[in-house]
């Protein structure tokens, strides 16, 4: 039982280090933005939401930048307006996803 717990702890630590290594390739890190900027001191905000993103990114400006996207603007939704949680598509520690594709076939490519 102790061996299993030790192996699980090792696997978790390895995964967290791998995620941290992947994050170093992130555009936020490349711009000098530290983990604490989004997550707070001591990871007080483990899963930042749109309110945290809005401290740097204005949803209206983001929507304006993508206004010509086809077939529709991914940052203005009839369901959520421009207040959809950014991290549903723009994942920072893993590849991005097209959240809209759960129901729609727009074919968005999230950077």
PDB file of N, CA and C in Angstrom:
ATOM      1  N   UNK A   1       0.831  -1.204   0.000  1.00  0.00           N
ATOM      2  CA  UNK A   1       0.000   0.000   0.000  1.00  0.00           C
ATOM      3  C   UNK A   1       0.864   1.252   0.000  1.00  0.00           C
ATOM      4  N   UNK A   2       1.954   1.234   0.803  1.00  0.00           N
ATOM      5  CA  UNK A   2       2.839   2.388   0.862  1.00  0.00           C
ATOM      6  C   UNK A   2       3.527   2.616  -0.481  1.00  0.00           C
ATOM      7  N   UNK A   3       3.893   1.513  -1.168  1.00  0.00           N
ATOM      8  CA  UNK A   3       4.546   1.628  -2.472  1.00  0.00           C
ATOM      9  C   UNK A   3       3.604   2.283  -3.478  1.00  0.00           C
ATOM     10  N   UNK A   4       2.342   1.889  -3.441  1.00  0.00           N
ATOM     11  CA  UNK A   4       1.362   2.459  -4.371  1.00  0.00           C
ATOM     12  C   UNK A   4       1.200   3.953  -4.120  1.00  0.00           C
ATOM     13  N   UNK A   5       1.132   4.349  -2.855  1.00  0.00           N
ATOM     14  CA  UNK A   5       0.992   5.769  -2.517  1.00  0.00           C
ATOM     15  C   UNK A   5       2.224   6.547  -2.960  1.00  0.00           C
ATOM     16  N   UNK A   6       3.401   5.961  -2.759  1.00  0.00           N
ATOM     17  CA  UNK A   6       4.636   6.613  -3.169  1.00  0.00           C
ATOM     18  C   UNK A   6       4.691   6.764  -4.688  1.00  0.00           C
ATOM     19  N   UNK A   7       4.306   5.723  -5.415  1.00  0.00           N
ATOM     20  CA  UNK A   7       4.295   5.799  -6.881  1.00  0.00           C
ATOM     21  C   UNK A   7       3.305   6.860  -7.378  1.00  0.00           C
ATOM     22  N   UNK A   8       2.141   6.923  -6.732  1.00  0.00           N
ATOM     23  CA  UNK A   8       1.144   7.928  -7.110  1.00  0.00           C
ATOM     24  C   UNK A   8       1.688   9.334  -6.866  1.00  0.00           C
ATOM     25  N   UNK A   9       2.313   9.547  -5.724  1.00  0.00           N
ATOM     26  CA  UNK A   9       2.880  10.864  -5.410  1.00  0.00           C
ATOM     27  C   UNK A   9       3.954  11.231  -6.424  1.00  0.00           C
ATOM     28  N   UNK A  10       4.811  10.278  -6.791  1.00  0.00           N
ATOM     29  CA  UNK A  10       5.859  10.524  -7.775  1.00  0.00           C
ATOM     30  C   UNK A  10       5.254  10.877  -9.130  1.00  0.00           C
ATOM     31  N   UNK A  11       4.230  10.135  -9.540  1.00  0.00           N
ATOM     32  CA  UNK A  11       3.583  10.397 -10.832  1.00  0.00           C
ATOM     33  C   UNK A  11       2.960  11.785 -10.864  1.00  0.00           C
ATOM     34  N   UNK A  12       2.317  12.174  -9.771  1.00  0.00           N
ATOM     35  CA  UNK A  12       1.711  13.509  -9.702  1.00  0.00           C
ATOM     36  C   UNK A  12       2.773  14.595  -9.779  1.00  0.00           C
ATOM     37  N   UNK A  13       3.862  14.418  -9.045  1.00  0.00           N
ATOM     38  CA  UNK A  13       4.947  15.406  -9.066  1.00  0.00           C
ATOM     39  C   UNK A  13       5.545  15.506 -10.459  1.00  0.00           C
ATOM     40  N   UNK A  14       5.741  14.372 -11.139  1.00  0.00           N
ATOM     41  CA  UNK A  14       6.289  14.375 -12.482  1.00  0.00           C
ATOM     42  C   UNK A  14       5.351  15.109 -13.440  1.00  0.00           C
ATOM     43  N   UNK A  15       4.046  14.842 -13.339  1.00  0.00           N
ATOM     44  CA  UNK A  15       3.059  15.494 -14.198  1.00  0.00           C
ATOM     45  C   UNK A  15       3.051  16.998 -13.971  1.00  0.00           C
ATOM     46  N   UNK A  16       3.091  17.427 -12.707  1.00  0.00           N
ATOM     47  CA  UNK A  16       3.088  18.853 -12.416  1.00  0.00           C
ATOM     48  C   UNK A  16       4.345  19.515 -12.971  1.00  0.00           C
ATOM     49  N   UNK A  17       5.510  18.855 -12.871  1.00  0.00           N
ATOM     50  CA  UNK A  17       6.740  19.414 -13.426  1.00  0.00           C
ATOM     51  C   UNK A  17       6.674  19.476 -14.944  1.00  0.00           C
ATOM     52  N   UNK A  18       6.076  18.459 -15.571  1.00  0.00           N
ATOM     53  CA  UNK A  18       5.924  18.465 -17.026  1.00  0.00           C
ATOM     54  C   UNK A  18       5.017  19.609 -17.454  1.00  0.00           C
ATOM     55  N   UNK A  19       3.922  19.846 -16.702  1.00  0.00           N
ATOM     56  CA  UNK A  19       3.029  20.957 -17.027  1.00  0.00           C
ATOM     57  C   UNK A  19       3.756  22.284 -16.867  1.00  0.00           C
ATOM     58  N   UNK A  20       4.552  22.406 -15.813  1.00  0.00           N
ATOM     59  CA  UNK A  20       5.295  23.642 -15.600  1.00  0.00           C
ATOM     60  C   UNK A  20       6.280  23.855 -16.733  1.00  0.00           C
ATOM     61  N   UNK A  21       6.923  22.786 -17.208  1.00  0.00           N
ATOM     62  CA  UNK A  21       7.861  22.903 -18.319  1.00  0.00           C
ATOM     63  C   UNK A  21       7.129  23.337 -19.588  1.00  0.00           C
ATOM     64  N   UNK A  22       5.939  22.776 -19.838  1.00  0.00           N
ATOM     65  CA  UNK A  22       5.155  23.174 -21.007  1.00  0.00           C
ATOM     66  C   UNK A  22       4.770  24.650 -20.915  1.00  0.00           C
ATOM     67  N   UNK A  23       4.471  25.101 -19.721  1.00  0.00           N
ATOM     68  CA  UNK A  23       4.039  26.479 -19.534  1.00  0.00           C
ATOM     69  C   UNK A  23       5.138  27.470 -19.898  1.00  0.00           C
ATOM     70  N   UNK A  24       6.406  27.046 -19.800  1.00  0.00           N
ATOM     71  CA  UNK A  24       7.487  27.973 -20.136  1.00  0.00           C
ATOM     72  C   UNK A  24       7.437  28.355 -21.609  1.00  0.00           C
ATOM     73  N   UNK A  25       6.727  27.590 -22.412  1.00  0.00           N
ATOM     74  CA  UNK A  25       6.583  27.911 -23.835  1.00  0.00           C
ATOM     75  C   UNK A  25       5.415  28.864 -24.077  1.00  0.00           C
ATOM     76  N   UNK A  26       4.659  29.156 -23.045  1.00  0.00           N
ATOM     77  CA  UNK A  26       3.460  29.981 -23.141  1.00  0.00           C
ATOM     78  C   UNK A  26       3.795  31.432 -23.471  1.00  0.00           C
ATOM     79  N   UNK A  27       2.937  32.073 -24.229  1.00  0.00           N
ATOM     80  CA  UNK A  27       3.190  33.466 -24.618  1.00  0.00           C
ATOM     81  C   UNK A  27       3.204  34.410 -23.429  1.00  0.00           C
ATOM     82  N   UNK A  28       2.442  34.120 -22.379  1.00  0.00           N
ATOM     83  CA  UNK A  28       2.488  34.977 -21.202  1.00  0.00           C
ATOM     84  C   UNK A  28       3.873  34.965 -20.570  1.00  0.00           C
ATOM     85  N   UNK A  29       4.450  33.779 -20.424  1.00  0.00           N
ATOM     86  CA  UNK A  29       5.779  33.659 -19.843  1.00  0.00           C
ATOM     87  C   UNK A  29       6.796  34.353 -20.738  1.00  0.00           C
ATOM     88  N   UNK A  30       6.666  34.175 -22.041  1.00  0.00           N
ATOM     89  CA  UNK A  30       7.595  34.811 -22.976  1.00  0.00           C
ATOM     90  C   UNK A  30       7.555  36.327 -22.869  1.00  0.00           C
ATOM     91  N   UNK A  31       6.429  36.877 -22.425  1.00  0.00           N
ATOM     92  CA  UNK A  31       6.303  38.324 -22.252  1.00  0.00           C
ATOM     93  C   UNK A  31       6.702  38.766 -20.849  1.00  0.00           C
ATOM     94  N   UNK A  32       7.193  37.835 -20.037  1.00  0.00           N
ATOM     95  CA  UNK A  32       7.659  38.179 -18.703  1.00  0.00           C
ATOM     96  C   UNK A  32       6.580  38.183 -17.635  1.00  0.00           C
ATOM     97  N   UNK A  33       5.421  37.645 -17.953  1.00  0.00           N
ATOM     98  CA  UNK A  33       4.330  37.585 -16.970  1.00  0.00           C
ATOM     99  C   UNK A  33       4.525  36.342 -16.110  1.00  0.00           C
ATOM    100  N   UNK A  34       4.577  36.543 -14.816  1.00  0.00           N
ATOM    101  CA  UNK A  34       4.825  35.441 -13.889  1.00  0.00           C
ATOM    102  C   UNK A  34       3.542  34.682 -13.577  1.00  0.00           C
ATOM    103  N   UNK A  35       3.691  33.508 -13.038  1.00  0.00           N
ATOM    104  CA  UNK A  35       2.546  32.680 -12.635  1.00  0.00           C
ATOM    105  C   UNK A  35       1.667  33.432 -11.630  1.00  0.00           C
ATOM    106  N   UNK A  36       2.313  34.183 -10.736  1.00  0.00           N
ATOM    107  CA  UNK A  36       1.584  34.894  -9.686  1.00  0.00           C
ATOM    108  C   UNK A  36       0.623  35.935 -10.249  1.00  0.00           C
ATOM    109  N   UNK A  37       0.912  36.470 -11.416  1.00  0.00           N
ATOM    110  CA  UNK A  37       0.033  37.485 -12.020  1.00  0.00           C
ATOM    111  C   UNK A  37      -1.378  36.943 -12.218  1.00  0.00           C
ATOM    112  N   UNK A  38      -1.492  35.683 -12.614  1.00  0.00           N
ATOM    113  CA  UNK A  38      -2.806  35.073 -12.843  1.00  0.00           C
ATOM    114  C   UNK A  38      -3.270  34.223 -11.665  1.00  0.00           C
ATOM    115  N   UNK A  39      -2.326  33.540 -11.027  1.00  0.00           N
ATOM    116  CA  UNK A  39      -2.677  32.590  -9.978  1.00  0.00           C
ATOM    117  C   UNK A  39      -2.579  33.160  -8.570  1.00  0.00           C
ATOM    118  N   UNK A  40      -1.995  34.339  -8.411  1.00  0.00           N
ATOM    119  CA  UNK A  40      -1.830  34.925  -7.092  1.00  0.00           C
ATOM    120  C   UNK A  40      -0.697  34.261  -6.329  1.00  0.00           C
ATOM    121  N   UNK A  41      -0.380  34.846  -5.209  1.00  0.00           N
ATOM    122  CA  UNK A  41       0.675  34.291  -4.358  1.00  0.00           C
ATOM    123  C   UNK A  41       0.276  32.910  -3.869  1.00  0.00           C
ATOM    124  N   UNK A  42       1.220  32.010  -3.872  1.00  0.00           N
ATOM    125  CA  UNK A  42       1.023  30.639  -3.384  1.00  0.00           C
ATOM    126  C   UNK A  42      -0.153  29.944  -4.060  1.00  0.00           C
ATOM    127  N   UNK A  43      -0.375  30.261  -5.348  1.00  0.00           N
ATOM    128  CA  UNK A  43      -1.426  29.625  -6.141  1.00  0.00           C
ATOM    129  C   UNK A  43      -2.808  29.792  -5.510  1.00  0.00           C
ATOM    130  N   UNK A  44      -3.077  30.990  -4.976  1.00  0.00           N
ATOM    131  CA  UNK A  44      -4.360  31.274  -4.322  1.00  0.00           C
ATOM    132  C   UNK A  44      -5.530  31.162  -5.300  1.00  0.00           C
ATOM    133  N   UNK A  45      -5.262  31.332  -6.602  1.00  0.00           N
ATOM    134  CA  UNK A  45      -6.290  31.224  -7.643  1.00  0.00           C
ATOM    135  C   UNK A  45      -5.865  30.088  -8.576  1.00  0.00           C
ATOM    136  N   UNK A  46      -6.151  28.828  -8.207  1.00  0.00           N
ATOM    137  CA  UNK A  46      -5.659  27.715  -9.016  1.00  0.00           C
ATOM    138  C   UNK A  46      -6.244  27.670 -10.426  1.00  0.00           C
ATOM    139  N   UNK A  47      -7.480  28.135 -10.607  1.00  0.00           N
ATOM    140  CA  UNK A  47      -8.129  28.117 -11.924  1.00  0.00           C
ATOM    141  C   UNK A  47      -8.674  29.509 -12.235  1.00  0.00           C
ATOM    142  N   UNK A  48      -7.817  30.400 -12.732  1.00  0.00           N
ATOM    143  CA  UNK A  48      -8.280  31.761 -13.006  1.00  0.00           C
ATOM    144  C   UNK A  48      -9.433  31.770 -14.004  1.00  0.00           C
ATOM    145  N   UNK A  49     -10.417  32.613 -13.749  1.00  0.00           N
ATOM    146  CA  UNK A  49     -11.561  32.760 -14.642  1.00  0.00           C
ATOM    147  C   UNK A  49     -11.499  34.077 -15.383  1.00  0.00           C
ATOM    148  N   UNK A  50     -12.572  34.423 -16.045  1.00  0.00           N
ATOM    149  CA  UNK A  50     -12.591  35.620 -16.877  1.00  0.00           C
ATOM    150  C   UNK A  50     -12.321  36.887 -16.065  1.00  0.00           C
ATOM    151  N   UNK A  51     -12.734  36.927 -14.821  1.00  0.00           N
ATOM    152  CA  UNK A  51     -12.473  38.124 -14.017  1.00  0.00           C
ATOM    153  C   UNK A  51     -10.975  38.354 -13.865  1.00  0.00           C
ATOM    154  N   UNK A  52     -10.213  37.284 -13.733  1.00  0.00           N
ATOM    155  CA  UNK A  52      -8.762  37.423 -13.650  1.00  0.00           C
ATOM    156  C   UNK A  52      -8.203  37.832 -15.008  1.00  0.00           C
ATOM    157  N   UNK A  53      -8.700  37.253 -16.084  1.00  0.00           N
ATOM    158  CA  UNK A  53      -8.228  37.596 -17.431  1.00  0.00           C
ATOM    159  C   UNK A  53      -8.510  39.064 -17.745  1.00  0.00           C
ATOM    160  N   UNK A  54      -9.660  39.556 -17.267  1.00  0.00           N
ATOM    161  CA  UNK A  54     -10.058  40.939 -17.557  1.00  0.00           C
ATOM    162  C   UNK A  54      -9.165  41.970 -16.888  1.00  0.00           C
ATOM    163  N   UNK A  55      -8.313  41.555 -15.949  1.00  0.00           N
ATOM    164  CA  UNK A  55      -7.393  42.528 -15.358  1.00  0.00           C
ATOM    165  C   UNK A  55      -6.382  43.002 -16.395  1.00  0.00           C
ATOM    166  N   UNK A  56      -6.167  42.218 -17.441  1.00  0.00           N
ATOM    167  CA  UNK A  56      -5.243  42.604 -18.526  1.00  0.00           C
ATOM    168  C   UNK A  56      -5.921  42.672 -19.892  1.00  0.00           C
ATOM    169  N   UNK A  57      -6.948  41.866 -20.119  1.00  0.00           N
ATOM    170  CA  UNK A  57      -7.590  41.754 -21.432  1.00  0.00           C
ATOM    171  C   UNK A  57      -9.019  42.271 -21.362  1.00  0.00           C
ATOM    172  N   UNK A  58      -9.312  43.325 -22.098  1.00  0.00           N
ATOM    173  CA  UNK A  58     -10.657  43.905 -22.149  1.00  0.00           C
ATOM    174  C   UNK A  58     -11.505  43.072 -23.116  1.00  0.00           C
ATOM    175  N   UNK A  59     -12.588  42.451 -22.649  1.00  0.00           N
ATOM    176  CA  UNK A  59     -13.412  41.609 -23.534  1.00  0.00           C
ATOM    177  C   UNK A  59     -13.935  42.350 -24.768  1.00  0.00           C
ATOM    178  N   UNK A  60     -14.259  43.629 -24.632  1.00  0.00           N
ATOM    179  CA  UNK A  60     -14.737  44.383 -25.793  1.00  0.00           C
ATOM    180  C   UNK A  60     -13.638  44.546 -26.837  1.00  0.00           C
ATOM    181  N   UNK A  61     -12.413  44.788 -26.390  1.00  0.00           N
ATOM    182  CA  UNK A  61     -11.290  44.925 -27.324  1.00  0.00           C
ATOM    183  C   UNK A  61     -10.961  43.593 -27.989  1.00  0.00           C
ATOM    184  N   UNK A  62     -11.022  42.511 -27.222  1.00  0.00           N
ATOM    185  CA  UNK A  62     -10.769  41.183 -27.787  1.00  0.00           C
ATOM    186  C   UNK A  62     -11.825  40.869 -28.846  1.00  0.00           C
ATOM    187  N   UNK A  63     -13.082  41.141 -28.548  1.00  0.00           N
ATOM    188  CA  UNK A  63     -14.163  40.898 -29.512  1.00  0.00           C
ATOM    189  C   UNK A  63     -13.984  41.752 -30.762  1.00  0.00           C
ATOM    190  N   UNK A  64     -13.529  42.973 -30.595  1.00  0.00           N
ATOM    191  CA  UNK A  64     -13.303  43.862 -31.747  1.00  0.00           C
ATOM    192  C   UNK A  64     -12.192  43.304 -32.644  1.00  0.00           C
ATOM    193  N   UNK A  65     -11.142  42.763 -32.039  1.00  0.00           N
ATOM    194  CA  UNK A  65     -10.026  42.208 -32.814  1.00  0.00           C
ATOM    195  C   UNK A  65     -10.447  41.007 -33.656  1.00  0.00           C
ATOM    196  N   UNK A  66     -11.459  40.272 -33.214  1.00  0.00           N
ATOM    197  CA  UNK A  66     -11.877  39.064 -33.941  1.00  0.00           C
ATOM    198  C   UNK A  66     -13.225  39.245 -34.633  1.00  0.00           C
ATOM    199  N   UNK A  67     -13.618  40.481 -34.843  1.00  0.00           N
ATOM    200  CA  UNK A  67     -14.947  40.769 -35.403  1.00  0.00           C
ATOM    201  C   UNK A  67     -15.134  40.204 -36.807  1.00  0.00           C
ATOM    202  N   UNK A  68     -14.057  40.035 -37.557  1.00  0.00           N
ATOM    203  CA  UNK A  68     -14.172  39.546 -38.930  1.00  0.00           C
ATOM    204  C   UNK A  68     -13.980  38.032 -39.053  1.00  0.00           C
ATOM    205  N   UNK A  69     -13.874  37.336 -37.925  1.00  0.00           N
ATOM    206  CA  UNK A  69     -13.720  35.875 -37.971  1.00  0.00           C
ATOM    207  C   UNK A  69     -14.973  35.254 -38.590  1.00  0.00           C
ATOM    208  N   UNK A  70     -14.774  34.234 -39.382  1.00  0.00           N
ATOM    209  CA  UNK A  70     -15.883  33.548 -40.042  1.00  0.00           C
ATOM    210  C   UNK A  70     -16.006  32.138 -39.513  1.00  0.00           C
ATOM    211  N   UNK A  71     -17.167  31.604 -39.358  1.00  0.00           N
ATOM    212  CA  UNK A  71     -18.459  32.140 -39.755  1.00  0.00           C
ATOM    213  C   UNK A  71     -19.061  33.104 -38.732  1.00  0.00           C
ATOM    214  N   UNK A  72     -18.464  33.221 -37.546  1.00  0.00           N
ATOM    215  CA  UNK A  72     -18.978  34.132 -36.534  1.00  0.00           C
ATOM    216  C   UNK A  72     -17.850  34.495 -35.583  1.00  0.00           C
ATOM    217  N   UNK A  73     -17.992  35.612 -34.903  1.00  0.00           N
ATOM    218  CA  UNK A  73     -16.978  36.056 -33.958  1.00  0.00           C
ATOM    219  C   UNK A  73     -16.931  35.103 -32.755  1.00  0.00           C
ATOM    220  N   UNK A  74     -15.797  34.462 -32.505  1.00  0.00           N
ATOM    221  CA  UNK A  74     -15.727  33.521 -31.386  1.00  0.00           C
ATOM    222  C   UNK A  74     -15.781  34.198 -30.016  1.00  0.00           C
ATOM    223  N   UNK A  75     -15.613  35.523 -29.986  1.00  0.00           N
ATOM    224  CA  UNK A  75     -15.609  36.232 -28.700  1.00  0.00           C
ATOM    225  C   UNK A  75     -16.908  36.985 -28.430  1.00  0.00           C
ATOM    226  N   UNK A  76     -17.924  36.729 -29.256  1.00  0.00           N
ATOM    227  CA  UNK A  76     -19.262  37.274 -29.010  1.00  0.00           C
ATOM    228  C   UNK A  76     -20.247  36.142 -29.264  1.00  0.00           C
ATOM    229  N   UNK A  77     -20.839  35.665 -28.206  1.00  0.00           N
ATOM    230  CA  UNK A  77     -21.709  34.506 -28.290  1.00  0.00           C
ATOM    231  C   UNK A  77     -23.150  34.892 -27.996  1.00  0.00           C
ATOM    232  N   UNK A  78     -24.120  34.314 -28.726  1.00  0.00           N
ATOM    233  CA  UNK A  78     -25.521  34.554 -28.369  1.00  0.00           C
ATOM    234  C   UNK A  78     -25.866  33.942 -27.008  1.00  0.00           C
ATOM    235  N   UNK A  79     -25.018  33.028 -26.543  1.00  0.00           N
ATOM    236  CA  UNK A  79     -25.250  32.387 -25.252  1.00  0.00           C
ATOM    237  C   UNK A  79     -24.636  33.161 -24.094  1.00  0.00           C
ATOM    238  N   UNK A  80     -23.433  33.719 -24.305  1.00  0.00           N
ATOM    239  CA  UNK A  80     -22.657  34.313 -23.217  1.00  0.00           C
ATOM    240  C   UNK A  80     -22.241  35.750 -23.467  1.00  0.00           C
ATOM    241  N   UNK A  81     -22.581  36.310 -24.605  1.00  0.00           N
ATOM    242  CA  UNK A  81     -22.075  37.639 -24.936  1.00  0.00           C
ATOM    243  C   UNK A  81     -20.562  37.571 -25.062  1.00  0.00           C
ATOM    244  N   UNK A  82     -19.857  38.508 -24.429  1.00  0.00           N
ATOM    245  CA  UNK A  82     -18.399  38.451 -24.456  1.00  0.00           C
ATOM    246  C   UNK A  82     -17.849  38.085 -23.072  1.00  0.00           C
ATOM    247  N   UNK A  83     -18.642  37.364 -22.289  1.00  0.00           N
ATOM    248  CA  UNK A  83     -18.264  37.009 -20.920  1.00  0.00           C
ATOM    249  C   UNK A  83     -18.028  35.508 -20.717  1.00  0.00           C
ATOM    250  N   UNK A  84     -17.767  34.776 -21.790  1.00  0.00           N
ATOM    251  CA  UNK A  84     -17.457  33.352 -21.652  1.00  0.00           C
ATOM    252  C   UNK A  84     -16.079  33.214 -21.028  1.00  0.00           C
ATOM    253  N   UNK A  85     -15.928  32.305 -20.099  1.00  0.00           N
ATOM    254  CA  UNK A  85     -14.648  32.108 -19.430  1.00  0.00           C
ATOM    255  C   UNK A  85     -13.566  31.795 -20.465  1.00  0.00           C
ATOM    256  N   UNK A  86     -12.555  32.629 -20.521  1.00  0.00           N
ATOM    257  CA  UNK A  86     -11.483  32.516 -21.522  1.00  0.00           C
ATOM    258  C   UNK A  86     -10.818  31.143 -21.518  1.00  0.00           C
ATOM    259  N   UNK A  87     -10.646  30.584 -20.310  1.00  0.00           N
ATOM    260  CA  UNK A  87      -9.921  29.321 -20.156  1.00  0.00           C
ATOM    261  C   UNK A  87     -10.694  28.119 -20.697  1.00  0.00           C
ATOM    262  N   UNK A  88     -11.914  28.310 -21.179  1.00  0.00           N
ATOM    263  CA  UNK A  88     -12.615  27.199 -21.821  1.00  0.00           C
ATOM    264  C   UNK A  88     -12.003  26.891 -23.184  1.00  0.00           C
ATOM    265  N   UNK A  89     -11.366  27.875 -23.793  1.00  0.00           N
ATOM    266  CA  UNK A  89     -10.663  27.667 -25.059  1.00  0.00           C
ATOM    267  C   UNK A  89      -9.159  27.864 -24.905  1.00  0.00           C
ATOM    268  N   UNK A  90      -8.790  28.972 -24.282  1.00  0.00           N
ATOM    269  CA  UNK A  90      -7.388  29.370 -24.177  1.00  0.00           C
ATOM    270  C   UNK A  90      -6.774  28.768 -22.919  1.00  0.00           C
ATOM    271  N   UNK A  91      -6.444  27.490 -23.009  1.00  0.00           N
ATOM    272  CA  UNK A  91      -5.847  26.776 -21.883  1.00  0.00           C
ATOM    273  C   UNK A  91      -4.371  27.150 -21.819  1.00  0.00           C
ATOM    274  N   UNK A  92      -3.875  27.410 -20.636  1.00  0.00           N
ATOM    275  CA  UNK A  92      -2.492  27.858 -20.506  1.00  0.00           C
ATOM    276  C   UNK A  92      -1.516  26.720 -20.263  1.00  0.00           C
ATOM    277  N   UNK A  93      -1.983  25.612 -19.754  1.00  0.00           N
ATOM    278  CA  UNK A  93      -1.085  24.526 -19.387  1.00  0.00           C
ATOM    279  C   UNK A  93      -1.293  23.277 -20.235  1.00  0.00           C
ATOM    280  N   UNK A  94      -2.068  23.392 -21.281  1.00  0.00           N
ATOM    281  CA  UNK A  94      -2.299  22.293 -22.209  1.00  0.00           C
ATOM    282  C   UNK A  94      -2.788  22.896 -23.528  1.00  0.00           C
ATOM    283  N   UNK A  95      -2.872  22.099 -24.574  1.00  0.00           N
ATOM    284  CA  UNK A  95      -3.296  22.643 -25.868  1.00  0.00           C
ATOM    285  C   UNK A  95      -4.669  23.320 -25.793  1.00  0.00           C
ATOM    286  N   UNK A  96      -4.848  24.334 -26.615  1.00  0.00           N
ATOM    287  CA  UNK A  96      -6.124  25.044 -26.647  1.00  0.00           C
ATOM    288  C   UNK A  96      -7.217  24.139 -27.191  1.00  0.00           C
ATOM    289  N   UNK A  97      -8.458  24.527 -26.917  1.00  0.00           N
ATOM    290  CA  UNK A  97      -9.611  23.754 -27.366  1.00  0.00           C
ATOM    291  C   UNK A  97     -10.642  24.687 -27.981  1.00  0.00           C
ATOM    292  N   UNK A  98     -11.503  24.127 -28.784  1.00  0.00           N
ATOM    293  CA  UNK A  98     -12.620  24.867 -29.367  1.00  0.00           C
ATOM    294  C   UNK A  98     -13.873  24.504 -28.563  1.00  0.00           C
ATOM    295  N   UNK A  99     -14.150  25.289 -27.530  1.00  0.00           N
ATOM    296  CA  UNK A  99     -15.288  25.008 -26.642  1.00  0.00           C
ATOM    297  C   UNK A  99     -16.604  24.979 -27.420  1.00  0.00           C
ATOM    298  N   UNK A 100     -16.746  25.835 -28.402  1.00  0.00           N
ATOM    299  CA  UNK A 100     -17.985  25.892 -29.180  1.00  0.00           C
ATOM    300  C   UNK A 100     -18.257  24.580 -29.923  1.00  0.00           C
ATOM    301  N   UNK A 101     -17.179  23.832 -30.214  1.00  0.00           N
ATOM    302  CA  UNK A 101     -17.321  22.586 -30.973  1.00  0.00           C
ATOM    303  C   UNK A 101     -18.074  21.506 -30.200  1.00  0.00           C
ATOM    304  N   UNK A 102     -18.318  21.742 -28.919  1.00  0.00           N
ATOM    305  CA  UNK A 102     -19.130  20.770 -28.181  1.00  0.00           C
ATOM    306  C   UNK A 102     -20.544  20.698 -28.755  1.00  0.00           C
ATOM    307  N   UNK A 103     -20.991  21.801 -29.360  1.00  0.00           N
ATOM    308  CA  UNK A 103     -22.345  21.832 -29.943  1.00  0.00           C
ATOM    309  C   UNK A 103     -22.362  22.290 -31.401  1.00  0.00           C
ATOM    310  N   UNK A 104     -21.361  23.064 -31.810  1.00  0.00           N
ATOM    311  CA  UNK A 104     -21.360  23.695 -33.136  1.00  0.00           C
ATOM    312  C   UNK A 104     -20.195  23.203 -33.986  1.00  0.00           C
ATOM    313  N   UNK A 105     -20.261  23.484 -35.285  1.00  0.00           N
ATOM    314  CA  UNK A 105     -19.211  23.088 -36.226  1.00  0.00           C
ATOM    315  C   UNK A 105     -18.585  24.318 -36.883  1.00  0.00           C
ATOM    316  N   UNK A 106     -18.187  25.309 -36.074  1.00  0.00           N
ATOM    317  CA  UNK A 106     -17.600  26.530 -36.625  1.00  0.00           C
ATOM    318  C   UNK A 106     -16.158  26.320 -37.087  1.00  0.00           C
ATOM    319  N   UNK A 107     -15.463  25.391 -36.474  1.00  0.00           N
ATOM    320  CA  UNK A 107     -14.077  25.119 -36.844  1.00  0.00           C
ATOM    321  C   UNK A 107     -13.094  26.149 -36.318  1.00  0.00           C
ATOM    322  N   UNK A 108     -13.381  26.767 -35.172  1.00  0.00           N
ATOM    323  CA  UNK A 108     -12.475  27.770 -34.608  1.00  0.00           C
ATOM    324  C   UNK A 108     -11.137  27.133 -34.258  1.00  0.00           C
ATOM    325  N   UNK A 109     -10.065  27.882 -34.465  1.00  0.00           N
ATOM    326  CA  UNK A 109      -8.726  27.488 -34.067  1.00  0.00           C
ATOM    327  C   UNK A 109      -8.265  28.462 -33.004  1.00  0.00           C
ATOM    328  N   UNK A 110      -8.259  28.036 -31.760  1.00  0.00           N
ATOM    329  CA  UNK A 110      -7.876  28.906 -30.652  1.00  0.00           C
ATOM    330  C   UNK A 110      -6.362  28.949 -30.509  1.00  0.00           C
ATOM    331  N   UNK A 111      -5.791  30.148 -30.467  1.00  0.00           N
ATOM    332  CA  UNK A 111      -4.316  30.238 -30.294  1.00  0.00           C
ATOM    333  C   UNK A 111      -3.920  29.939 -28.856  1.00  0.00           C
TER     334      UNK A 111
END
